């Protein structure tokens, strides 16, 4: 497997994990249960899951009013999309 595909696969898996984490945290918020720390959600986004985190924010309407999330998650996503494009040789 080419290294570029490994990078894409890592970002895809991390995005799926981040998306699910945002969904779980929203569920727990609605049911007054133990929550996933905001730092963990941001770390998942930073470590390659920003596209999934952004999709989770929009799908579950979660953390959309938190300034840190509305700035950092899209910023991380843009950088990660750029890395994927670079890895695939598209830029």
N, C-alpha and C. Protein backbone atom coordinates (compact mmCIF):
# COMPACT_ATOMS: atom_id res chain seq x y z
N UNK A 1 0.85 -1.18 0.00
CA UNK A 1 0.00 0.00 0.00
C UNK A 1 0.90 1.24 0.00
N UNK A 2 0.55 2.20 -0.83
CA UNK A 2 1.32 3.43 -0.91
C UNK A 2 1.14 4.26 0.35
N UNK A 3 2.20 4.96 0.77
CA UNK A 3 2.09 5.79 1.98
C UNK A 3 0.97 6.82 1.91
N UNK A 4 0.69 7.33 0.71
CA UNK A 4 -0.38 8.32 0.59
C UNK A 4 -1.74 7.72 0.95
N UNK A 5 -1.94 6.45 0.62
CA UNK A 5 -3.21 5.81 0.96
C UNK A 5 -3.31 5.53 2.45
N UNK A 6 -2.18 5.31 3.09
CA UNK A 6 -2.18 5.11 4.54
C UNK A 6 -2.62 6.41 5.22
N UNK A 7 -2.11 7.54 4.74
CA UNK A 7 -2.51 8.84 5.30
C UNK A 7 -4.01 9.05 5.15
N UNK A 8 -4.52 8.77 3.98
CA UNK A 8 -5.96 8.93 3.72
C UNK A 8 -6.76 8.00 4.62
N UNK A 9 -6.29 6.76 4.77
CA UNK A 9 -7.00 5.78 5.61
C UNK A 9 -7.01 6.22 7.08
N UNK A 10 -5.90 6.75 7.56
CA UNK A 10 -5.83 7.22 8.95
C UNK A 10 -6.81 8.36 9.16
N UNK A 11 -6.84 9.33 8.23
CA UNK A 11 -7.78 10.44 8.35
C UNK A 11 -9.22 9.93 8.30
N UNK A 12 -9.50 8.96 7.46
CA UNK A 12 -10.87 8.43 7.35
C UNK A 12 -11.29 7.74 8.65
N UNK A 13 -10.42 6.93 9.21
CA UNK A 13 -10.74 6.23 10.47
C UNK A 13 -10.90 7.23 11.61
N UNK A 14 -9.99 8.18 11.69
CA UNK A 14 -10.09 9.18 12.76
C UNK A 14 -11.36 10.03 12.60
N UNK A 15 -11.74 10.31 11.37
CA UNK A 15 -12.97 11.08 11.14
C UNK A 15 -14.19 10.30 11.59
N UNK A 16 -14.20 9.02 11.32
CA UNK A 16 -15.31 8.18 11.76
C UNK A 16 -15.38 8.14 13.29
N UNK A 17 -14.24 7.99 13.93
CA UNK A 17 -14.20 7.97 15.39
C UNK A 17 -14.69 9.30 15.95
N UNK A 18 -14.24 10.41 15.39
CA UNK A 18 -14.65 11.73 15.87
C UNK A 18 -16.15 11.94 15.66
N UNK A 19 -16.67 11.55 14.50
CA UNK A 19 -18.10 11.68 14.22
C UNK A 19 -18.92 10.93 15.27
N UNK A 20 -18.53 9.69 15.54
CA UNK A 20 -19.25 8.87 16.53
C UNK A 20 -19.13 9.50 17.92
N UNK A 21 -17.94 10.00 18.26
CA UNK A 21 -17.75 10.62 19.57
C UNK A 21 -18.66 11.83 19.76
N UNK A 22 -18.81 12.65 18.72
CA UNK A 22 -19.71 13.81 18.81
C UNK A 22 -21.16 13.34 18.99
N UNK A 23 -21.54 12.28 18.30
CA UNK A 23 -22.89 11.74 18.45
C UNK A 23 -23.13 11.19 19.84
N UNK A 24 -22.17 10.46 20.37
CA UNK A 24 -22.29 9.91 21.73
C UNK A 24 -22.37 11.03 22.75
N UNK A 25 -21.52 12.05 22.60
CA UNK A 25 -21.53 13.15 23.56
C UNK A 25 -22.86 13.91 23.52
N UNK A 26 -23.41 14.09 22.34
CA UNK A 26 -24.71 14.76 22.24
C UNK A 26 -25.79 13.93 22.93
N UNK A 27 -25.77 12.62 22.70
CA UNK A 27 -26.73 11.73 23.35
C UNK A 27 -26.61 11.83 24.88
N UNK A 28 -25.38 11.79 25.35
CA UNK A 28 -25.15 11.87 26.79
C UNK A 28 -25.56 13.22 27.35
N UNK A 29 -25.37 14.28 26.59
CA UNK A 29 -25.78 15.61 27.04
C UNK A 29 -27.29 15.68 27.21
N UNK A 30 -28.00 15.08 26.28
CA UNK A 30 -29.46 15.10 26.36
C UNK A 30 -30.01 14.24 27.49
N UNK A 31 -29.26 13.21 27.87
CA UNK A 31 -29.74 12.29 28.90
C UNK A 31 -29.04 12.48 30.24
N UNK A 32 -28.39 13.63 30.39
CA UNK A 32 -27.76 14.00 31.67
C UNK A 32 -26.84 12.90 32.19
N UNK A 33 -25.95 12.43 31.31
CA UNK A 33 -25.00 11.38 31.68
C UNK A 33 -23.58 11.92 31.56
N UNK A 34 -22.61 11.09 31.97
CA UNK A 34 -21.20 11.47 31.89
C UNK A 34 -20.85 11.86 30.47
N UNK A 35 -20.11 12.96 30.32
CA UNK A 35 -19.80 13.53 29.01
C UNK A 35 -18.36 13.27 28.61
N UNK A 36 -18.12 13.32 27.33
CA UNK A 36 -16.77 13.26 26.80
C UNK A 36 -16.17 14.66 26.95
N UNK A 37 -14.99 14.78 27.55
CA UNK A 37 -14.41 16.12 27.74
C UNK A 37 -14.20 16.85 26.41
N UNK A 38 -14.39 18.17 26.45
CA UNK A 38 -14.19 18.97 25.24
C UNK A 38 -12.77 18.81 24.72
N UNK A 39 -11.80 18.69 25.62
CA UNK A 39 -10.42 18.53 25.18
C UNK A 39 -10.23 17.24 24.38
N UNK A 40 -10.96 16.20 24.73
CA UNK A 40 -10.88 14.94 23.99
C UNK A 40 -11.48 15.09 22.60
N UNK A 41 -12.62 15.77 22.52
CA UNK A 41 -13.24 16.00 21.21
C UNK A 41 -12.34 16.82 20.30
N UNK A 42 -11.71 17.85 20.86
CA UNK A 42 -10.79 18.66 20.06
C UNK A 42 -9.54 17.88 19.68
N UNK A 43 -9.07 17.02 20.57
CA UNK A 43 -7.90 16.19 20.27
C UNK A 43 -8.20 15.23 19.13
N UNK A 44 -9.37 14.63 19.14
CA UNK A 44 -9.76 13.75 18.03
C UNK A 44 -9.77 14.50 16.71
N UNK A 45 -10.28 15.73 16.74
CA UNK A 45 -10.29 16.55 15.53
C UNK A 45 -8.87 16.87 15.08
N UNK A 46 -8.02 17.24 16.01
CA UNK A 46 -6.64 17.60 15.70
C UNK A 46 -5.85 16.41 15.14
N UNK A 47 -6.09 15.23 15.67
CA UNK A 47 -5.32 14.05 15.29
C UNK A 47 -5.80 13.39 13.99
N UNK A 48 -6.56 14.10 13.21
CA UNK A 48 -6.95 13.58 11.91
C UNK A 48 -8.44 13.43 11.71
N UNK A 49 -9.23 13.72 12.72
CA UNK A 49 -10.66 13.52 12.61
C UNK A 49 -11.47 14.78 12.43
N UNK A 50 -10.86 15.83 11.91
CA UNK A 50 -11.55 17.11 11.83
C UNK A 50 -12.75 17.09 10.89
N UNK A 51 -12.63 16.38 9.79
CA UNK A 51 -13.77 16.32 8.85
C UNK A 51 -14.95 15.61 9.51
N UNK A 52 -14.68 14.53 10.21
CA UNK A 52 -15.74 13.82 10.93
C UNK A 52 -16.29 14.65 12.08
N UNK A 53 -15.41 15.37 12.77
CA UNK A 53 -15.86 16.23 13.87
C UNK A 53 -16.76 17.34 13.33
N UNK A 54 -16.37 17.92 12.21
CA UNK A 54 -17.19 18.98 11.60
C UNK A 54 -18.55 18.41 11.18
N UNK A 55 -18.54 17.23 10.57
CA UNK A 55 -19.80 16.59 10.17
C UNK A 55 -20.65 16.27 11.40
N UNK A 56 -20.00 15.84 12.48
CA UNK A 56 -20.72 15.55 13.72
C UNK A 56 -21.32 16.79 14.33
N UNK A 57 -20.58 17.89 14.28
CA UNK A 57 -21.11 19.16 14.79
C UNK A 57 -22.37 19.55 14.04
N UNK A 58 -22.35 19.40 12.73
CA UNK A 58 -23.50 19.80 11.91
C UNK A 58 -24.65 18.79 12.01
N UNK A 59 -24.33 17.52 11.98
CA UNK A 59 -25.37 16.49 12.02
C UNK A 59 -26.12 16.48 13.35
N UNK A 60 -25.36 16.53 14.45
CA UNK A 60 -25.96 16.42 15.78
C UNK A 60 -26.23 17.79 16.42
N UNK A 61 -25.91 18.88 15.71
CA UNK A 61 -26.07 20.24 16.25
C UNK A 61 -25.42 20.32 17.63
N UNK A 62 -24.16 19.90 17.65
CA UNK A 62 -23.44 19.79 18.92
C UNK A 62 -22.17 20.64 18.88
N UNK A 63 -21.98 21.43 19.90
CA UNK A 63 -20.82 22.31 20.07
C UNK A 63 -20.79 23.43 19.02
N UNK A 64 -21.90 23.70 18.39
CA UNK A 64 -21.94 24.72 17.34
C UNK A 64 -21.93 26.14 17.89
N UNK A 65 -22.18 26.31 19.17
CA UNK A 65 -22.16 27.63 19.79
C UNK A 65 -20.88 27.89 20.58
N UNK A 66 -19.99 26.91 20.61
CA UNK A 66 -18.72 27.05 21.32
C UNK A 66 -17.68 27.62 20.36
N UNK A 67 -17.18 28.80 20.68
CA UNK A 67 -16.27 29.51 19.79
C UNK A 67 -15.03 28.67 19.45
N UNK A 68 -14.47 27.97 20.44
CA UNK A 68 -13.28 27.15 20.18
C UNK A 68 -13.57 26.11 19.11
N UNK A 69 -14.72 25.50 19.16
CA UNK A 69 -15.07 24.46 18.19
C UNK A 69 -15.37 25.07 16.82
N UNK A 70 -16.07 26.18 16.79
CA UNK A 70 -16.44 26.77 15.50
C UNK A 70 -15.24 27.35 14.76
N UNK A 71 -14.16 27.62 15.48
CA UNK A 71 -12.94 28.12 14.83
C UNK A 71 -11.96 26.98 14.57
N UNK A 72 -11.67 26.19 15.59
CA UNK A 72 -10.61 25.19 15.47
C UNK A 72 -10.96 24.01 14.58
N UNK A 73 -12.16 23.48 14.71
CA UNK A 73 -12.51 22.29 13.91
C UNK A 73 -12.47 22.57 12.40
N UNK A 74 -13.08 23.66 11.91
CA UNK A 74 -12.95 23.93 10.47
C UNK A 74 -11.50 24.21 10.05
N UNK A 75 -10.73 24.87 10.91
CA UNK A 75 -9.32 25.13 10.61
C UNK A 75 -8.55 23.81 10.47
N UNK A 76 -8.74 22.91 11.45
CA UNK A 76 -8.10 21.59 11.38
C UNK A 76 -8.54 20.86 10.11
N UNK A 77 -9.82 20.94 9.77
CA UNK A 77 -10.35 20.25 8.59
C UNK A 77 -9.68 20.76 7.32
N UNK A 78 -9.54 22.07 7.20
CA UNK A 78 -8.90 22.63 6.01
C UNK A 78 -7.46 22.15 5.88
N UNK A 79 -6.74 22.15 6.98
CA UNK A 79 -5.35 21.68 6.96
C UNK A 79 -5.30 20.20 6.58
N UNK A 80 -6.18 19.39 7.16
CA UNK A 80 -6.16 17.96 6.90
C UNK A 80 -6.59 17.65 5.47
N UNK A 81 -7.53 18.38 4.94
CA UNK A 81 -7.91 18.20 3.53
C UNK A 81 -6.73 18.57 2.63
N UNK A 82 -6.02 19.63 2.98
CA UNK A 82 -4.82 19.99 2.24
C UNK A 82 -3.76 18.91 2.27
N UNK A 83 -3.57 18.28 3.43
CA UNK A 83 -2.60 17.19 3.55
C UNK A 83 -3.02 16.01 2.68
N UNK A 84 -4.29 15.68 2.67
CA UNK A 84 -4.78 14.58 1.83
C UNK A 84 -4.56 14.90 0.36
N UNK A 85 -4.89 16.11 -0.05
CA UNK A 85 -4.67 16.50 -1.46
C UNK A 85 -3.19 16.40 -1.81
N UNK A 86 -2.33 16.87 -0.91
CA UNK A 86 -0.89 16.79 -1.14
C UNK A 86 -0.43 15.33 -1.22
N UNK A 87 -0.91 14.50 -0.28
CA UNK A 87 -0.49 13.10 -0.26
C UNK A 87 -0.91 12.36 -1.53
N UNK A 88 -2.05 12.73 -2.08
CA UNK A 88 -2.53 12.07 -3.28
C UNK A 88 -1.95 12.70 -4.55
N UNK A 89 -1.16 13.77 -4.38
CA UNK A 89 -0.54 14.41 -5.53
C UNK A 89 -1.47 15.33 -6.30
N UNK A 90 -2.53 15.77 -5.67
CA UNK A 90 -3.50 16.64 -6.35
C UNK A 90 -3.10 18.10 -6.28
N UNK A 91 -2.15 18.43 -5.39
CA UNK A 91 -1.63 19.81 -5.33
C UNK A 91 -0.13 19.76 -5.26
